[in-house]
Amino acid sequence: MATPQEVEAFVNKIGPLIQAEAKARGYKVVSPIIAQACCESAFGLSSLGYKYNNYFGMKCGSSWKGKSVNLKTKEEYTAGVLTTIRDNFRVYDSMEEGVVGYFNFISTKRYANLKDAVNPRQYLEFIKADGYATSSSYVATNMNIINKYNLTRFDEVIFKPITPDLISNVIIGVFGNGNERKIKLSSEGYDPEEVQKKVNELYKLSKEHEPFRKKCGDYFDCILKFFL
């Protein structure tokens, strides 16, 4: 069983990753997804979690072309009766890839209703009805995790303001690129999607104002002041 310190460390590490990916893909709630990661991986302490970066108990299925591992698991095909089976589970190289893998997994038509969920319970009821898990107590178990560890704090986030210095640092590569940038910005309290919008708008503005750009010795600094 995870200690309070282990729970806090796991939630604080995986929470922002899930938060950023959920927002980028248009999901309205985050807390039930964090709860799923906690539940399915025993707060990151299960072998499937810490060894193979699969924090959501995702099986391979017929479409998976990546690495896999065969492990024992328990399914509740009949209410109240647990059956031990062996199955193949997806393997990822990092926590970040595991989180992205979850969202790829639920991006199929089968789980399309999840984007319509507007609160944690509705999300969990949808995903249970969609066949994600066999446990008859799946919704209740995850709701208990949400309430016990106040995971709804991830549903309503106040991000840090976007400043000229931040945009400048993003442009020169301080935060890296792609998913690395998204993760670093999220971990420091910024909304990566809004930051990217600002960067895109800035580049567009710089092209549209070529004469202004040429007059500036450090055109990024000039445009940032003009833009922000």
Protein backbone atom coordinates (compact mmCIF):
# COMPACT_ATOMS: atom_id res chain seq x y z
CA MET A 1 0.00 0.00 0.00
CA ALA A 2 1.27 3.43 -0.93
CA THR A 3 2.29 5.81 1.84
CA PRO A 4 0.84 9.34 1.93
CA GLN A 5 4.18 10.62 0.67
CA GLU A 6 4.18 8.17 -2.25
CA VAL A 7 0.61 9.09 -3.14
CA GLU A 8 1.44 12.80 -3.12
CA ALA A 9 4.58 12.31 -5.20
CA PHE A 10 2.76 10.20 -7.80
CA VAL A 11 -0.21 12.55 -8.12
CA ASN A 12 2.02 15.62 -8.36
CA LYS A 13 4.08 13.98 -11.08
CA ILE A 14 1.41 12.43 -13.29
CA GLY A 15 -1.33 14.99 -12.62
CA PRO A 16 0.11 17.87 -14.69
CA LEU A 17 0.93 15.48 -17.56
CA ILE A 18 -2.65 14.24 -17.70
CA GLN A 19 -3.95 17.76 -17.28
CA ALA A 20 -1.98 19.10 -20.25
CA GLU A 21 -2.84 16.20 -22.54
CA ALA A 22 -6.54 16.28 -21.60
CA LYS A 23 -6.78 19.98 -22.34
CA ALA A 24 -4.96 19.60 -25.65
CA ARG A 25 -7.39 16.90 -26.74
CA GLY A 26 -10.58 18.58 -25.60
CA TYR A 27 -11.57 16.66 -22.47
CA LYS A 28 -13.49 18.68 -19.90
CA VAL A 29 -12.47 16.86 -16.69
CA VAL A 30 -9.10 15.63 -15.50
CA SER A 31 -9.63 14.25 -12.00
CA PRO A 32 -11.24 10.93 -13.05
CA ILE A 33 -8.30 10.20 -15.37
CA ILE A 34 -5.79 10.88 -12.58
CA ALA A 35 -7.87 8.65 -10.34
CA GLN A 36 -7.73 5.88 -12.95
CA ALA A 37 -3.94 6.12 -13.02
CA CYS A 38 -3.86 5.89 -9.21
CA CYS A 39 -6.28 2.97 -9.16
CA GLU A 40 -4.88 0.95 -12.05
CA SER A 41 -1.23 1.31 -11.03
CA ALA A 42 -1.56 1.33 -7.22
CA PHE A 43 -0.25 4.91 -7.23
CA GLY A 44 2.59 3.98 -9.54
CA LEU A 45 3.82 1.07 -7.41
CA SER A 46 2.53 -1.83 -9.52
CA SER A 47 5.04 -3.56 -11.76
CA LEU A 48 2.98 -2.59 -14.80
CA GLY A 49 3.34 1.00 -13.70
CA TYR A 50 6.89 1.47 -12.45
CA LYS A 51 8.51 -1.12 -14.75
CA TYR A 52 6.51 -0.66 -17.93
CA ASN A 53 5.00 2.85 -17.63
CA ASN A 54 1.49 1.56 -18.23
CA TYR A 55 -0.43 3.37 -15.50
CA PHE A 56 -3.91 2.65 -16.85
CA GLY A 57 -3.95 -1.14 -17.15
CA MET A 58 -4.26 -1.03 -20.93
CA LYS A 59 -4.15 -4.40 -22.66
CA CYS A 60 -2.65 -4.78 -26.10
CA GLY A 61 -5.69 -5.76 -28.15
CA SER A 62 -5.38 -6.55 -31.84
CA SER A 63 -4.34 -3.05 -32.94
CA TRP A 64 -1.26 -2.62 -30.71
CA LYS A 65 2.07 -2.82 -32.59
CA GLY A 66 4.38 -1.75 -29.78
CA LYS A 67 6.16 -3.58 -26.98
CA SER A 68 4.19 -5.77 -24.59
CA VAL A 69 4.46 -7.81 -21.43
CA ASN A 70 2.43 -10.79 -20.30
CA LEU A 71 1.19 -10.50 -16.71
CA LYS A 72 -1.41 -11.89 -14.37
CA THR A 73 -4.50 -9.79 -13.74
CA LYS A 74 -7.91 -10.17 -12.17
CA GLU A 75 -11.20 -9.61 -13.98
CA GLU A 76 -14.72 -9.47 -12.59
CA TYR A 77 -16.77 -11.09 -15.34
CA THR A 78 -19.46 -12.01 -12.79
CA ALA A 79 -20.33 -9.46 -10.10
CA GLY A 80 -18.46 -10.25 -6.92
CA VAL A 81 -16.35 -13.03 -8.44
CA LEU A 82 -12.72 -12.33 -9.36
CA THR A 83 -11.08 -14.48 -12.01
CA THR A 84 -7.28 -14.55 -12.39
CA ILE A 85 -6.07 -14.57 -15.98
CA ARG A 86 -2.91 -13.77 -17.92
CA ASP A 87 -2.97 -11.17 -20.65
CA ASN A 88 -0.68 -8.99 -22.75
CA PHE A 89 -0.32 -5.37 -21.67
CA ARG A 90 1.09 -2.37 -23.51
CA VAL A 91 4.58 -1.19 -22.58
CA TYR A 92 5.86 2.39 -22.77
CA ASP A 93 9.30 3.91 -22.33
CA SER A 94 8.32 6.73 -19.97
CA MET A 95 5.50 8.11 -17.88
CA GLU A 96 4.95 10.79 -20.50
CA GLU A 97 4.53 8.17 -23.23
CA GLY A 98 2.22 6.18 -20.98
CA VAL A 99 -0.06 9.18 -20.51
CA VAL A 100 -0.15 9.90 -24.23
CA GLY A 101 -0.80 6.21 -24.78
CA TYR A 102 -3.91 6.37 -22.61
CA PHE A 103 -5.36 9.23 -24.63
CA ASN A 104 -4.54 7.43 -27.86
CA PHE A 105 -6.30 4.37 -26.43
CA ILE A 106 -9.53 6.30 -25.69
CA SER A 107 -9.47 8.25 -28.96
CA THR A 108 -11.46 5.57 -30.76
CA LYS A 109 -15.16 5.76 -31.56
CA ARG A 110 -15.89 3.41 -28.67
CA TYR A 111 -14.87 6.09 -26.17
CA ALA A 112 -16.06 9.17 -28.07
CA ASN A 113 -18.63 9.99 -25.39
CA LEU A 114 -15.88 10.76 -22.86
CA LYS A 115 -15.41 14.22 -24.37
CA ASP A 116 -19.02 14.98 -23.46
CA ALA A 117 -18.50 14.26 -19.75
CA VAL A 118 -18.75 17.44 -17.69
CA ASN A 119 -18.01 16.04 -14.22
CA PRO A 120 -15.91 13.21 -12.74
CA ARG A 121 -18.76 10.80 -12.03
CA GLN A 122 -20.17 11.14 -15.52
CA TYR A 123 -16.75 10.45 -17.05
CA LEU A 124 -16.33 7.32 -14.94
CA GLU A 125 -19.85 6.09 -15.66
CA PHE A 126 -19.26 6.59 -19.38
CA ILE A 127 -15.93 4.76 -19.46
CA LYS A 128 -17.28 1.90 -17.34
CA ALA A 129 -20.29 1.53 -19.67
CA ASP A 130 -17.92 1.64 -22.65
CA GLY A 131 -16.27 -1.51 -21.33
CA TYR A 132 -12.94 -0.12 -20.14
CA ALA A 133 -13.03 -2.10 -16.87
CA THR A 134 -14.88 -5.16 -15.57
CA SER A 135 -14.93 -4.20 -11.88
CA SER A 136 -18.50 -3.64 -10.64
CA SER A 137 -17.19 -1.03 -8.18
CA TYR A 138 -15.01 0.83 -10.70
CA VAL A 139 -16.95 4.09 -10.53
CA ALA A 140 -17.21 4.09 -6.73
CA THR A 141 -13.54 3.17 -6.27
CA ASN A 142 -12.31 5.98 -8.48
CA MET A 143 -14.73 8.51 -6.99
CA ASN A 144 -13.37 7.63 -3.55
CA ILE A 145 -9.84 8.31 -4.78
CA ILE A 146 -10.92 11.65 -6.26
CA ASN A 147 -12.57 12.75 -3.02
CA LYS A 148 -9.91 11.41 -0.66
CA TYR A 149 -7.03 13.12 -2.46
CA ASN A 150 -8.89 16.22 -3.65
CA LEU A 151 -8.13 15.49 -7.31
CA THR A 152 -10.79 17.94 -8.49
CA ARG A 153 -8.18 20.62 -7.87
CA PHE A 154 -6.80 19.60 -11.25
CA ASP A 155 -10.16 20.32 -12.91
CA GLU A 156 -10.10 24.00 -12.04
CA VAL A 157 -6.64 25.38 -12.56
CA ILE A 158 -5.47 28.97 -12.40
CA PHE A 159 -2.45 29.15 -14.67
CA LYS A 160 0.40 31.60 -14.31
CA PRO A 161 0.16 34.67 -16.57
CA ILE A 162 2.00 34.62 -19.90
CA THR A 163 4.78 37.21 -19.92
CA PRO A 164 7.13 38.53 -22.63
CA ASP A 165 10.07 36.82 -20.90
CA LEU A 166 8.24 33.49 -20.97
CA ILE A 167 7.45 33.77 -24.68
CA SER A 168 11.04 34.78 -25.42
CA ASN A 169 12.35 31.75 -23.51
CA VAL A 170 9.98 29.44 -25.36
CA ILE A 171 11.13 30.82 -28.70
CA ILE A 172 14.83 30.37 -27.96
CA GLY A 173 14.23 26.80 -26.80
CA VAL A 174 14.58 27.01 -23.02
CA PHE A 175 11.55 24.72 -22.64
CA GLY A 176 12.51 22.36 -25.47
CA ASN A 177 10.13 21.38 -28.22
CA GLY A 178 6.98 19.32 -28.75
CA ASN A 179 5.86 17.16 -25.86
CA GLU A 180 8.91 18.09 -23.80
CA ARG A 181 7.88 21.75 -23.98
CA LYS A 182 4.31 20.91 -23.00
CA ILE A 183 5.45 18.94 -19.96
CA LYS A 184 7.92 21.58 -18.73
CA LEU A 185 5.43 24.43 -19.13
CA SER A 186 2.73 22.46 -17.30
CA SER A 187 5.07 21.53 -14.46
CA GLU A 188 5.88 25.22 -13.95
CA GLY A 189 2.23 26.22 -13.84
CA TYR A 190 1.67 27.55 -17.38
CA ASP A 191 -1.04 26.58 -19.84
CA PRO A 192 0.98 25.06 -22.72
CA GLU A 193 -1.85 25.49 -25.23
CA GLU A 194 -2.24 29.20 -24.53
CA VAL A 195 1.53 29.69 -24.61
CA GLN A 196 1.70 28.01 -28.02
CA LYS A 197 -1.12 30.22 -29.31
CA LYS A 198 0.85 33.31 -28.24
CA VAL A 199 4.00 32.02 -29.93
CA ASN A 200 2.10 31.26 -33.15
CA GLU A 201 0.46 34.69 -33.13
CA LEU A 202 3.82 36.33 -32.51
CA TYR A 203 5.43 34.62 -35.48
CA LYS A 204 2.49 35.58 -37.65
CA LEU A 205 2.72 39.18 -36.45
CA SER A 206 6.46 39.33 -37.13
CA LYS A 207 5.89 38.27 -40.74
CA GLU A 208 3.06 40.72 -41.26
CA HIS A 209 5.14 43.61 -39.92
CA GLU A 210 8.37 43.09 -41.84
CA PRO A 211 9.37 46.81 -41.89
CA PHE A 212 8.90 46.99 -38.12
CA ARG A 213 10.91 43.78 -37.74
CA LYS A 214 13.86 45.10 -39.77
CA LYS A 215 14.07 48.29 -37.70
CA CYS A 216 14.64 46.34 -34.49
CA GLY A 217 18.09 45.25 -33.46
CA ASP A 218 16.58 42.48 -31.35
CA TYR A 219 13.31 42.08 -33.19
CA PHE A 220 11.92 39.48 -30.80
CA ASP A 221 12.25 41.94 -27.91
CA CYS A 222 10.65 44.72 -29.92
CA ILE A 223 7.78 42.60 -31.15
CA LEU A 224 7.18 41.16 -27.71
CA LYS A 225 6.80 44.65 -26.28
CA PHE A 226 4.59 45.66 -29.19
CA PHE A 227 2.55 42.47 -29.04
CA LEU A 228 2.17 42.01 -25.29
